[in-house]
Amino acid sequence: MYIIKAEQNQIDNIVGMSVRAFETDINCGGKKGDYPPEYDSIEWHRKMAEEGRLFQAIEDEKLVGAAIFFLIQVARAYILVGFSLTVSITGKAMEYF
């Protein structure tokens, strides 16, 4: 599996994966309706891709997941914060987590 910057032609697929991932959280203890802001917004994901924050996970030439990364400066330390959006609906990507 490798991670690269998201391509604009994958945004719809990434958002679809995000919706499926977060809306099924209730099956493993999540609260219904407790989703991150903009998890289902195509425009927001496009903006994140344009800003270079949206990445896609590829395995066997197939999209299996995505993540949005933010860099936060705290005093003089920098912290890379990852916000995982999606997981593979096949479950194959779960081997890596």
PDB file of N, CA and C in Angstrom:
ATOM      1  N   MET A   1       0.855  -1.170   0.000  1.00  0.00           N
ATOM      2  CA  MET A   1       0.000   0.000   0.000  1.00  0.00           C
ATOM      3  C   MET A   1       0.899   1.230   0.000  1.00  0.00           C
ATOM      4  N   TYR A   2       0.480   2.242  -0.736  1.00  0.00           N
ATOM      5  CA  TYR A   2       1.202   3.502  -0.713  1.00  0.00           C
ATOM      6  C   TYR A   2       0.207   4.649  -0.612  1.00  0.00           C
ATOM      7  N   ILE A   3       0.698   5.788  -0.130  1.00  0.00           N
ATOM      8  CA  ILE A   3      -0.150   6.956   0.080  1.00  0.00           C
ATOM      9  C   ILE A   3       0.387   8.092  -0.773  1.00  0.00           C
ATOM     10  N   ILE A   4      -0.515   8.676  -1.564  1.00  0.00           N
ATOM     11  CA  ILE A   4      -0.161   9.794  -2.429  1.00  0.00           C
ATOM     12  C   ILE A   4      -1.210  10.890  -2.281  1.00  0.00           C
ATOM     13  N   LYS A   5      -0.878  12.083  -2.756  1.00  0.00           N
ATOM     14  CA  LYS A   5      -1.865  13.161  -2.732  1.00  0.00           C
ATOM     15  C   LYS A   5      -3.086  12.739  -3.546  1.00  0.00           C
ATOM     16  N   ALA A   6      -4.234  13.106  -3.058  1.00  0.00           N
ATOM     17  CA  ALA A   6      -5.488  12.722  -3.716  1.00  0.00           C
ATOM     18  C   ALA A   6      -5.608  13.400  -5.075  1.00  0.00           C
ATOM     19  N   GLU A   7      -6.139  12.654  -6.011  1.00  0.00           N
ATOM     20  CA  GLU A   7      -6.400  13.179  -7.340  1.00  0.00           C
ATOM     21  C   GLU A   7      -7.836  13.682  -7.394  1.00  0.00           C
ATOM     22  N   GLN A   8      -8.048  14.770  -8.118  1.00  0.00           N
ATOM     23  CA  GLN A   8      -9.384  15.360  -8.210  1.00  0.00           C
ATOM     24  C   GLN A   8     -10.413  14.356  -8.722  1.00  0.00           C
ATOM     25  N   ASN A   9     -10.007  13.453  -9.601  1.00  0.00           N
ATOM     26  CA  ASN A   9     -10.969  12.493 -10.147  1.00  0.00           C
ATOM     27  C   ASN A   9     -11.357  11.404  -9.139  1.00  0.00           C
ATOM     28  N   GLN A  10     -10.740  11.413  -7.963  1.00  0.00           N
ATOM     29  CA  GLN A  10     -11.075  10.440  -6.919  1.00  0.00           C
ATOM     30  C   GLN A  10     -11.927  11.035  -5.805  1.00  0.00           C
ATOM     31  N   ILE A  11     -12.188  12.326  -5.852  1.00  0.00           N
ATOM     32  CA  ILE A  11     -12.900  12.994  -4.753  1.00  0.00           C
ATOM     33  C   ILE A  11     -14.263  12.348  -4.486  1.00  0.00           C
ATOM     34  N   ASP A  12     -15.046  12.108  -5.505  1.00  0.00           N
ATOM     35  CA  ASP A  12     -16.369  11.496  -5.300  1.00  0.00           C
ATOM     36  C   ASP A  12     -16.241  10.137  -4.608  1.00  0.00           C
ATOM     37  N   ASN A  13     -15.260   9.331  -5.037  1.00  0.00           N
ATOM     38  CA  ASN A  13     -15.049   8.020  -4.414  1.00  0.00           C
ATOM     39  C   ASN A  13     -14.617   8.157  -2.952  1.00  0.00           C
ATOM     40  N   ILE A  14     -13.732   9.114  -2.691  1.00  0.00           N
ATOM     41  CA  ILE A  14     -13.257   9.328  -1.321  1.00  0.00           C
ATOM     42  C   ILE A  14     -14.397   9.760  -0.417  1.00  0.00           C
ATOM     43  N   VAL A  15     -15.225  10.680  -0.897  1.00  0.00           N
ATOM     44  CA  VAL A  15     -16.363  11.129  -0.084  1.00  0.00           C
ATOM     45  C   VAL A  15     -17.333   9.973   0.160  1.00  0.00           C
ATOM     46  N   GLY A  16     -17.579   9.168  -0.850  1.00  0.00           N
ATOM     47  CA  GLY A  16     -18.447   8.001  -0.674  1.00  0.00           C
ATOM     48  C   GLY A  16     -17.912   7.054   0.377  1.00  0.00           C
ATOM     49  N   MET A  17     -16.602   6.836   0.376  1.00  0.00           N
ATOM     50  CA  MET A  17     -15.981   5.983   1.389  1.00  0.00           C
ATOM     51  C   MET A  17     -16.099   6.612   2.775  1.00  0.00           C
ATOM     52  N   SER A  18     -15.937   7.919   2.843  1.00  0.00           N
ATOM     53  CA  SER A  18     -16.052   8.626   4.118  1.00  0.00           C
ATOM     54  C   SER A  18     -17.448   8.454   4.705  1.00  0.00           C
ATOM     55  N   VAL A  19     -18.455   8.641   3.871  1.00  0.00           N
ATOM     56  CA  VAL A  19     -19.844   8.490   4.332  1.00  0.00           C
ATOM     57  C   VAL A  19     -20.081   7.072   4.837  1.00  0.00           C
ATOM     58  N   ARG A  20     -19.671   6.080   4.061  1.00  0.00           N
ATOM     59  CA  ARG A  20     -19.872   4.684   4.489  1.00  0.00           C
ATOM     60  C   ARG A  20     -19.121   4.378   5.778  1.00  0.00           C
ATOM     61  N   ALA A  21     -17.899   4.900   5.902  1.00  0.00           N
ATOM     62  CA  ALA A  21     -17.097   4.622   7.092  1.00  0.00           C
ATOM     63  C   ALA A  21     -17.711   5.247   8.339  1.00  0.00           C
ATOM     64  N   PHE A  22     -18.047   6.526   8.282  1.00  0.00           N
ATOM     65  CA  PHE A  22     -18.544   7.193   9.476  1.00  0.00           C
ATOM     66  C   PHE A  22     -19.979   6.808   9.819  1.00  0.00           C
ATOM     67  N   GLU A  23     -20.787   6.553   8.816  1.00  0.00           N
ATOM     68  CA  GLU A  23     -22.180   6.214   9.111  1.00  0.00           C
ATOM     69  C   GLU A  23     -22.338   4.775   9.599  1.00  0.00           C
ATOM     70  N   THR A  24     -21.293   3.971   9.506  1.00  0.00           N
ATOM     71  CA  THR A  24     -21.352   2.621  10.073  1.00  0.00           C
ATOM     72  C   THR A  24     -20.628   2.536  11.415  1.00  0.00           C
ATOM     73  N   ASP A  25     -20.124   3.658  11.915  1.00  0.00           N
ATOM     74  CA  ASP A  25     -19.478   3.670  13.235  1.00  0.00           C
ATOM     75  C   ASP A  25     -20.411   3.164  14.331  1.00  0.00           C
ATOM     76  N   ILE A  26     -21.704   3.335  14.145  1.00  0.00           N
ATOM     77  CA  ILE A  26     -22.652   2.881  15.167  1.00  0.00           C
ATOM     78  C   ILE A  26     -22.591   1.368  15.350  1.00  0.00           C
ATOM     79  N   ASN A  27     -22.083   0.657  14.344  1.00  0.00           N
ATOM     80  CA  ASN A  27     -21.963  -0.799  14.444  1.00  0.00           C
ATOM     81  C   ASN A  27     -20.825  -1.232  15.363  1.00  0.00           C
ATOM     82  N   CYS A  28     -19.955  -0.290  15.717  1.00  0.00           N
ATOM     83  CA  CYS A  28     -18.835  -0.647  16.605  1.00  0.00           C
ATOM     84  C   CYS A  28     -18.715   0.343  17.763  1.00  0.00           C
ATOM     85  N   GLY A  29     -19.856   0.824  18.250  1.00  0.00           N
ATOM     86  CA  GLY A  29     -19.880   1.640  19.461  1.00  0.00           C
ATOM     87  C   GLY A  29     -19.974   3.139  19.269  1.00  0.00           C
ATOM     88  N   GLY A  30     -19.942   3.625  18.036  1.00  0.00           N
ATOM     89  CA  GLY A  30     -20.064   5.059  17.806  1.00  0.00           C
ATOM     90  C   GLY A  30     -21.493   5.542  18.017  1.00  0.00           C
ATOM     91  N   LYS A  31     -21.618   6.840  18.253  1.00  0.00           N
ATOM     92  CA  LYS A  31     -22.946   7.424  18.443  1.00  0.00           C
ATOM     93  C   LYS A  31     -23.530   7.838  17.097  1.00  0.00           C
ATOM     94  N   LYS A  32     -24.788   7.549  16.901  1.00  0.00           N
ATOM     95  CA  LYS A  32     -25.467   7.946  15.664  1.00  0.00           C
ATOM     96  C   LYS A  32     -25.446   9.464  15.534  1.00  0.00           C
ATOM     97  N   GLY A  33     -25.054   9.943  14.378  1.00  0.00           N
ATOM     98  CA  GLY A  33     -25.017  11.372  14.118  1.00  0.00           C
ATOM     99  C   GLY A  33     -23.756  12.073  14.602  1.00  0.00           C
ATOM    100  N   ASP A  34     -22.838  11.342  15.227  1.00  0.00           N
ATOM    101  CA  ASP A  34     -21.604  11.937  15.744  1.00  0.00           C
ATOM    102  C   ASP A  34     -20.504  11.835  14.684  1.00  0.00           C
ATOM    103  N   TYR A  35     -20.645  12.647  13.644  1.00  0.00           N
ATOM    104  CA  TYR A  35     -19.723  12.601  12.524  1.00  0.00           C
ATOM    105  C   TYR A  35     -18.848  13.850  12.541  1.00  0.00           C
ATOM    106  N   PRO A  36     -17.652  13.767  11.974  1.00  0.00           N
ATOM    107  CA  PRO A  36     -16.824  14.971  11.887  1.00  0.00           C
ATOM    108  C   PRO A  36     -17.442  15.980  10.921  1.00  0.00           C
ATOM    109  N   PRO A  37     -17.157  17.246  11.129  1.00  0.00           N
ATOM    110  CA  PRO A  37     -17.680  18.264  10.216  1.00  0.00           C
ATOM    111  C   PRO A  37     -17.225  17.997   8.783  1.00  0.00           C
ATOM    112  N   GLU A  38     -18.120  18.199   7.851  1.00  0.00           N
ATOM    113  CA  GLU A  38     -17.838  18.122   6.412  1.00  0.00           C
ATOM    114  C   GLU A  38     -17.451  16.723   5.929  1.00  0.00           C
ATOM    115  N   TYR A  39     -17.700  15.685   6.721  1.00  0.00           N
ATOM    116  CA  TYR A  39     -17.317  14.327   6.321  1.00  0.00           C
ATOM    117  C   TYR A  39     -17.981  13.899   5.009  1.00  0.00           C
ATOM    118  N   ASP A  40     -19.099  14.527   4.670  1.00  0.00           N
ATOM    119  CA  ASP A  40     -19.842  14.150   3.464  1.00  0.00           C
ATOM    120  C   ASP A  40     -19.864  15.248   2.397  1.00  0.00           C
ATOM    121  N   SER A  41     -18.993  16.235   2.535  1.00  0.00           N
ATOM    122  CA  SER A  41     -18.983  17.384   1.629  1.00  0.00           C
ATOM    123  C   SER A  41     -17.951  17.216   0.511  1.00  0.00           C
ATOM    124  N   ILE A  42     -18.431  17.161  -0.710  1.00  0.00           N
ATOM    125  CA  ILE A  42     -17.535  17.067  -1.863  1.00  0.00           C
ATOM    126  C   ILE A  42     -16.710  18.342  -1.992  1.00  0.00           C
ATOM    127  N   GLU A  43     -17.342  19.478  -1.811  1.00  0.00           N
ATOM    128  CA  GLU A  43     -16.628  20.760  -1.945  1.00  0.00           C
ATOM    129  C   GLU A  43     -15.501  20.872  -0.921  1.00  0.00           C
ATOM    130  N   TRP A  44     -15.750  20.481   0.320  1.00  0.00           N
ATOM    131  CA  TRP A  44     -14.728  20.568   1.357  1.00  0.00           C
ATOM    132  C   TRP A  44     -13.551  19.644   1.025  1.00  0.00           C
ATOM    133  N   HIS A  45     -13.853  18.435   0.555  1.00  0.00           N
ATOM    134  CA  HIS A  45     -12.780  17.512   0.183  1.00  0.00           C
ATOM    135  C   HIS A  45     -11.990  18.055  -1.014  1.00  0.00           C
ATOM    136  N   ARG A  46     -12.673  18.699  -1.952  1.00  0.00           N
ATOM    137  CA  ARG A  46     -11.968  19.329  -3.078  1.00  0.00           C
ATOM    138  C   ARG A  46     -11.006  20.398  -2.570  1.00  0.00           C
ATOM    139  N   LYS A  47     -11.483  21.196  -1.616  1.00  0.00           N
ATOM    140  CA  LYS A  47     -10.647  22.250  -1.038  1.00  0.00           C
ATOM    141  C   LYS A  47      -9.439  21.641  -0.330  1.00  0.00           C
ATOM    142  N   MET A  48      -9.646  20.577   0.418  1.00  0.00           N
ATOM    143  CA  MET A  48      -8.540  19.915   1.116  1.00  0.00           C
ATOM    144  C   MET A  48      -7.523  19.370   0.118  1.00  0.00           C
ATOM    145  N   ALA A  49      -8.002  18.845  -1.009  1.00  0.00           N
ATOM    146  CA  ALA A  49      -7.097  18.345  -2.056  1.00  0.00           C
ATOM    147  C   ALA A  49      -6.314  19.499  -2.668  1.00  0.00           C
ATOM    148  N   GLU A  50      -6.984  20.613  -2.947  1.00  0.00           N
ATOM    149  CA  GLU A  50      -6.317  21.780  -3.528  1.00  0.00           C
ATOM    150  C   GLU A  50      -5.255  22.336  -2.595  1.00  0.00           C
ATOM    151  N   GLU A  51      -5.489  22.244  -1.284  1.00  0.00           N
ATOM    152  CA  GLU A  51      -4.525  22.720  -0.294  1.00  0.00           C
ATOM    153  C   GLU A  51      -3.417  21.700  -0.028  1.00  0.00           C
ATOM    154  N   GLY A  52      -3.507  20.537  -0.667  1.00  0.00           N
ATOM    155  CA  GLY A  52      -2.486  19.511  -0.478  1.00  0.00           C
ATOM    156  C   GLY A  52      -2.609  18.746   0.822  1.00  0.00           C
ATOM    157  N   ARG A  53      -3.792  18.735   1.429  1.00  0.00           N
ATOM    158  CA  ARG A  53      -4.013  18.063   2.711  1.00  0.00           C
ATOM    159  C   ARG A  53      -4.655  16.683   2.567  1.00  0.00           C
ATOM    160  N   LEU A  54      -5.295  16.419   1.447  1.00  0.00           N
ATOM    161  CA  LEU A  54      -6.018  15.165   1.250  1.00  0.00           C
ATOM    162  C   LEU A  54      -5.125  14.156   0.529  1.00  0.00           C
ATOM    163  N   PHE A  55      -5.012  12.985   1.114  1.00  0.00           N
ATOM    164  CA  PHE A  55      -4.185  11.916   0.556  1.00  0.00           C
ATOM    165  C   PHE A  55      -5.045  10.681   0.344  1.00  0.00           C
ATOM    166  N   GLN A  56      -4.661   9.882  -0.630  1.00  0.00           N
ATOM    167  CA  GLN A  56      -5.383   8.645  -0.903  1.00  0.00           C
ATOM    168  C   GLN A  56      -4.448   7.461  -0.702  1.00  0.00           C
ATOM    169  N   ALA A  57      -4.996   6.385  -0.174  1.00  0.00           N
ATOM    170  CA  ALA A  57      -4.243   5.147   0.019  1.00  0.00           C
ATOM    171  C   ALA A  57      -4.578   4.217  -1.143  1.00  0.00           C
ATOM    172  N   ILE A  58      -3.539   3.705  -1.782  1.00  0.00           N
ATOM    173  CA  ILE A  58      -3.700   2.850  -2.956  1.00  0.00           C
ATOM    174  C   ILE A  58      -3.058   1.493  -2.671  1.00  0.00           C
ATOM    175  N   GLU A  59      -3.778   0.442  -2.990  1.00  0.00           N
ATOM    176  CA  GLU A  59      -3.229  -0.903  -2.899  1.00  0.00           C
ATOM    177  C   GLU A  59      -3.682  -1.679  -4.124  1.00  0.00           C
ATOM    178  N   ASP A  60      -2.748  -2.355  -4.760  1.00  0.00           N
ATOM    179  CA  ASP A  60      -3.038  -3.093  -5.991  1.00  0.00           C
ATOM    180  C   ASP A  60      -3.753  -2.211  -7.002  1.00  0.00           C
ATOM    181  N   GLU A  61      -3.299  -0.958  -7.099  1.00  0.00           N
ATOM    182  CA  GLU A  61      -3.839   0.031  -8.045  1.00  0.00           C
ATOM    183  C   GLU A  61      -5.290   0.406  -7.762  1.00  0.00           C
ATOM    184  N   LYS A  62      -5.778   0.119  -6.548  1.00  0.00           N
ATOM    185  CA  LYS A  62      -7.155   0.461  -6.180  1.00  0.00           C
ATOM    186  C   LYS A  62      -7.157   1.401  -4.978  1.00  0.00           C
ATOM    187  N   LEU A  63      -8.096   2.324  -4.976  1.00  0.00           N
ATOM    188  CA  LEU A  63      -8.294   3.220  -3.845  1.00  0.00           C
ATOM    189  C   LEU A  63      -8.860   2.417  -2.676  1.00  0.00           C
ATOM    190  N   VAL A  64      -8.150   2.422  -1.536  1.00  0.00           N
ATOM    191  CA  VAL A  64      -8.626   1.668  -0.374  1.00  0.00           C
ATOM    192  C   VAL A  64      -8.852   2.547   0.849  1.00  0.00           C
ATOM    193  N   GLY A  65      -8.498   3.821   0.765  1.00  0.00           N
ATOM    194  CA  GLY A  65      -8.707   4.699   1.907  1.00  0.00           C
ATOM    195  C   GLY A  65      -8.197   6.095   1.625  1.00  0.00           C
ATOM    196  N   ALA A  66      -8.378   6.972   2.587  1.00  0.00           N
ATOM    197  CA  ALA A  66      -7.922   8.355   2.455  1.00  0.00           C
ATOM    198  C   ALA A  66      -7.721   8.957   3.832  1.00  0.00           C
ATOM    199  N   ALA A  67      -6.955  10.041   3.872  1.00  0.00           N
ATOM    200  CA  ALA A  67      -6.707  10.747   5.125  1.00  0.00           C
ATOM    201  C   ALA A  67      -6.480  12.217   4.815  1.00  0.00           C
ATOM    202  N   ILE A  68      -6.786  13.046   5.788  1.00  0.00           N
ATOM    203  CA  ILE A  68      -6.505  14.475   5.700  1.00  0.00           C
ATOM    204  C   ILE A  68      -5.504  14.790   6.801  1.00  0.00           C
ATOM    205  N   PHE A  69      -4.435  15.489   6.439  1.00  0.00           N
ATOM    206  CA  PHE A  69      -3.394  15.813   7.398  1.00  0.00           C
ATOM    207  C   PHE A  69      -3.325  17.312   7.615  1.00  0.00           C
ATOM    208  N   PHE A  70      -3.146  17.697   8.871  1.00  0.00           N
ATOM    209  CA  PHE A  70      -2.979  19.091   9.238  1.00  0.00           C
ATOM    210  C   PHE A  70      -1.668  19.213  10.011  1.00  0.00           C
ATOM    211  N   LEU A  71      -0.961  20.290   9.798  1.00  0.00           N
ATOM    212  CA  LEU A  71       0.250  20.577  10.547  1.00  0.00           C
ATOM    213  C   LEU A  71      -0.085  21.672  11.544  1.00  0.00           C
ATOM    214  N   ILE A  72       0.153  21.395  12.800  1.00  0.00           N
ATOM    215  CA  ILE A  72      -0.170  22.352  13.854  1.00  0.00           C
ATOM    216  C   ILE A  72       1.118  22.792  14.520  1.00  0.00           C
ATOM    217  N   GLN A  73       1.314  24.102  14.677  1.00  0.00           N
ATOM    218  CA  GLN A  73       2.484  24.609  15.369  1.00  0.00           C
ATOM    219  C   GLN A  73       2.108  24.898  16.813  1.00  0.00           C
ATOM    220  N   VAL A  74       2.836  24.286  17.732  1.00  0.00           N
ATOM    221  CA  VAL A  74       2.633  24.524  19.163  1.00  0.00           C
ATOM    222  C   VAL A  74       3.948  25.071  19.684  1.00  0.00           C
ATOM    223  N   ALA A  75       3.947  26.365  20.048  1.00  0.00           N
ATOM    224  CA  ALA A  75       5.174  27.050  20.453  1.00  0.00           C
ATOM    225  C   ALA A  75       6.212  26.848  19.350  1.00  0.00           C
ATOM    226  N   ARG A  76       7.264  26.081  19.619  1.00  0.00           N
ATOM    227  CA  ARG A  76       8.277  25.835  18.605  1.00  0.00           C
ATOM    228  C   ARG A  76       8.260  24.400  18.121  1.00  0.00           C
ATOM    229  N   ALA A  77       7.311  23.627  18.583  1.00  0.00           N
ATOM    230  CA  ALA A  77       7.197  22.237  18.146  1.00  0.00           C
ATOM    231  C   ALA A  77       6.126  22.146  17.068  1.00  0.00           C
ATOM    232  N   TYR A  78       6.339  21.270  16.135  1.00  0.00           N
ATOM    233  CA  TYR A  78       5.365  21.040  15.095  1.00  0.00           C
ATOM    234  C   TYR A  78       4.815  19.634  15.243  1.00  0.00           C
ATOM    235  N   ILE A  79       3.522  19.510  15.085  1.00  0.00           N
ATOM    236  CA  ILE A  79       2.876  18.217  15.226  1.00  0.00           C
ATOM    237  C   ILE A  79       2.080  17.944  13.955  1.00  0.00           C
ATOM    238  N   LEU A  80       2.327  16.796  13.361  1.00  0.00           N
ATOM    239  CA  LEU A  80       1.541  16.394  12.205  1.00  0.00           C
ATOM    240  C   LEU A  80       0.340  15.629  12.728  1.00  0.00           C
ATOM    241  N   VAL A  81      -0.838  16.154  12.456  1.00  0.00           N
ATOM    242  CA  VAL A  81      -2.067  15.542  12.936  1.00  0.00           C
ATOM    243  C   VAL A  81      -2.766  14.892  11.763  1.00  0.00           C
ATOM    244  N   GLY A  82      -3.033  13.628  11.872  1.00  0.00           N
ATOM    245  CA  GLY A  82      -3.766  12.924  10.827  1.00  0.00           C
ATOM    246  C   GLY A  82      -5.211  12.755  11.235  1.00  0.00           C
ATOM    247  N   PHE A  83      -6.084  12.927  10.310  1.00  0.00           N
ATOM    248  CA  PHE A  83      -7.515  12.745  10.560  1.00  0.00           C
ATOM    249  C   PHE A  83      -8.005  11.719   9.569  1.00  0.00           C
ATOM    250  N   SER A  84      -8.138  10.486  10.013  1.00  0.00           N
ATOM    251  CA  SER A  84      -8.506   9.415   9.101  1.00  0.00           C
ATOM    252  C   SER A  84      -9.955   9.541   8.685  1.00  0.00           C
ATOM    253  N   LEU A  85     -10.202   9.491   7.413  1.00  0.00           N
ATOM    254  CA  LEU A  85     -11.549   9.667   6.900  1.00  0.00           C
ATOM    255  C   LEU A  85     -12.213   8.368   6.491  1.00  0.00           C
ATOM    256  N   THR A  86     -11.450   7.489   5.916  1.00  0.00           N
ATOM    257  CA  THR A  86     -12.091   6.348   5.297  1.00  0.00           C
ATOM    258  C   THR A  86     -11.326   5.062   5.550  1.00  0.00           C
ATOM    259  N   VAL A  87     -12.017   3.981   5.411  1.00  0.00           N
ATOM    260  CA  VAL A  87     -11.383   2.671   5.442  1.00  0.00           C
ATOM    261  C   VAL A  87     -11.945   1.860   4.293  1.00  0.00           C
ATOM    262  N   SER A  88     -11.222   0.861   3.925  1.00  0.00           N
ATOM    263  CA  SER A  88     -11.663   0.024   2.822  1.00  0.00           C
ATOM    264  C   SER A  88     -12.935  -0.719   3.196  1.00  0.00           C
ATOM    265  N   ILE A  89     -13.906  -0.732   2.299  1.00  0.00           N
ATOM    266  CA  ILE A  89     -15.115  -1.491   2.589  1.00  0.00           C
ATOM    267  C   ILE A  89     -14.878  -2.982   2.417  1.00  0.00           C
ATOM    268  N   THR A  90     -13.745  -3.348   1.822  1.00  0.00           N
ATOM    269  CA  THR A  90     -13.417  -4.762   1.698  1.00  0.00           C
ATOM    270  C   THR A  90     -12.775  -5.284   2.973  1.00  0.00           C
ATOM    271  N   GLY A  91     -12.320  -4.367   3.826  1.00  0.00           N
ATOM    272  CA  GLY A  91     -11.680  -4.763   5.069  1.00  0.00           C
ATOM    273  C   GLY A  91     -10.209  -5.052   4.896  1.00  0.00           C
ATOM    274  N   LYS A  92      -9.710  -5.109   3.674  1.00  0.00           N
ATOM    275  CA  LYS A  92      -8.325  -5.444   3.438  1.00  0.00           C
ATOM    276  C   LYS A  92      -7.380  -4.411   4.041  1.00  0.00           C
ATOM    277  N   ALA A  93      -7.738  -3.145   3.956  1.00  0.00           N
ATOM    278  CA  ALA A  93      -6.865  -2.108   4.497  1.00  0.00           C
ATOM    279  C   ALA A  93      -6.779  -2.187   6.019  1.00  0.00           C
ATOM    280  N   MET A  94      -7.739  -2.804   6.658  1.00  0.00           N
ATOM    281  CA  MET A  94      -7.719  -2.890   8.119  1.00  0.00           C
ATOM    282  C   MET A  94      -6.505  -3.658   8.620  1.00  0.00           C
ATOM    283  N   GLU A  95      -5.867  -4.473   7.774  1.00  0.00           N
ATOM    284  CA  GLU A  95      -4.670  -5.193   8.172  1.00  0.00           C
ATOM    285  C   GLU A  95      -3.553  -4.233   8.554  1.00  0.00           C
ATOM    286  N   TYR A  96      -3.596  -3.013   8.064  1.00  0.00           N
ATOM    287  CA  TYR A  96      -2.524  -2.059   8.297  1.00  0.00           C
ATOM    288  C   TYR A  96      -2.740  -1.199   9.525  1.00  0.00           C
ATOM    289  N   PHE A  97      -3.898  -1.272  10.162  1.00  0.00           N
ATOM    290  CA  PHE A  97      -4.206  -0.411  11.294  1.00  0.00           C
ATOM    291  C   PHE A  97      -4.179  -1.144  12.598  1.00  0.00           C
TER     292      PHE A  97
END
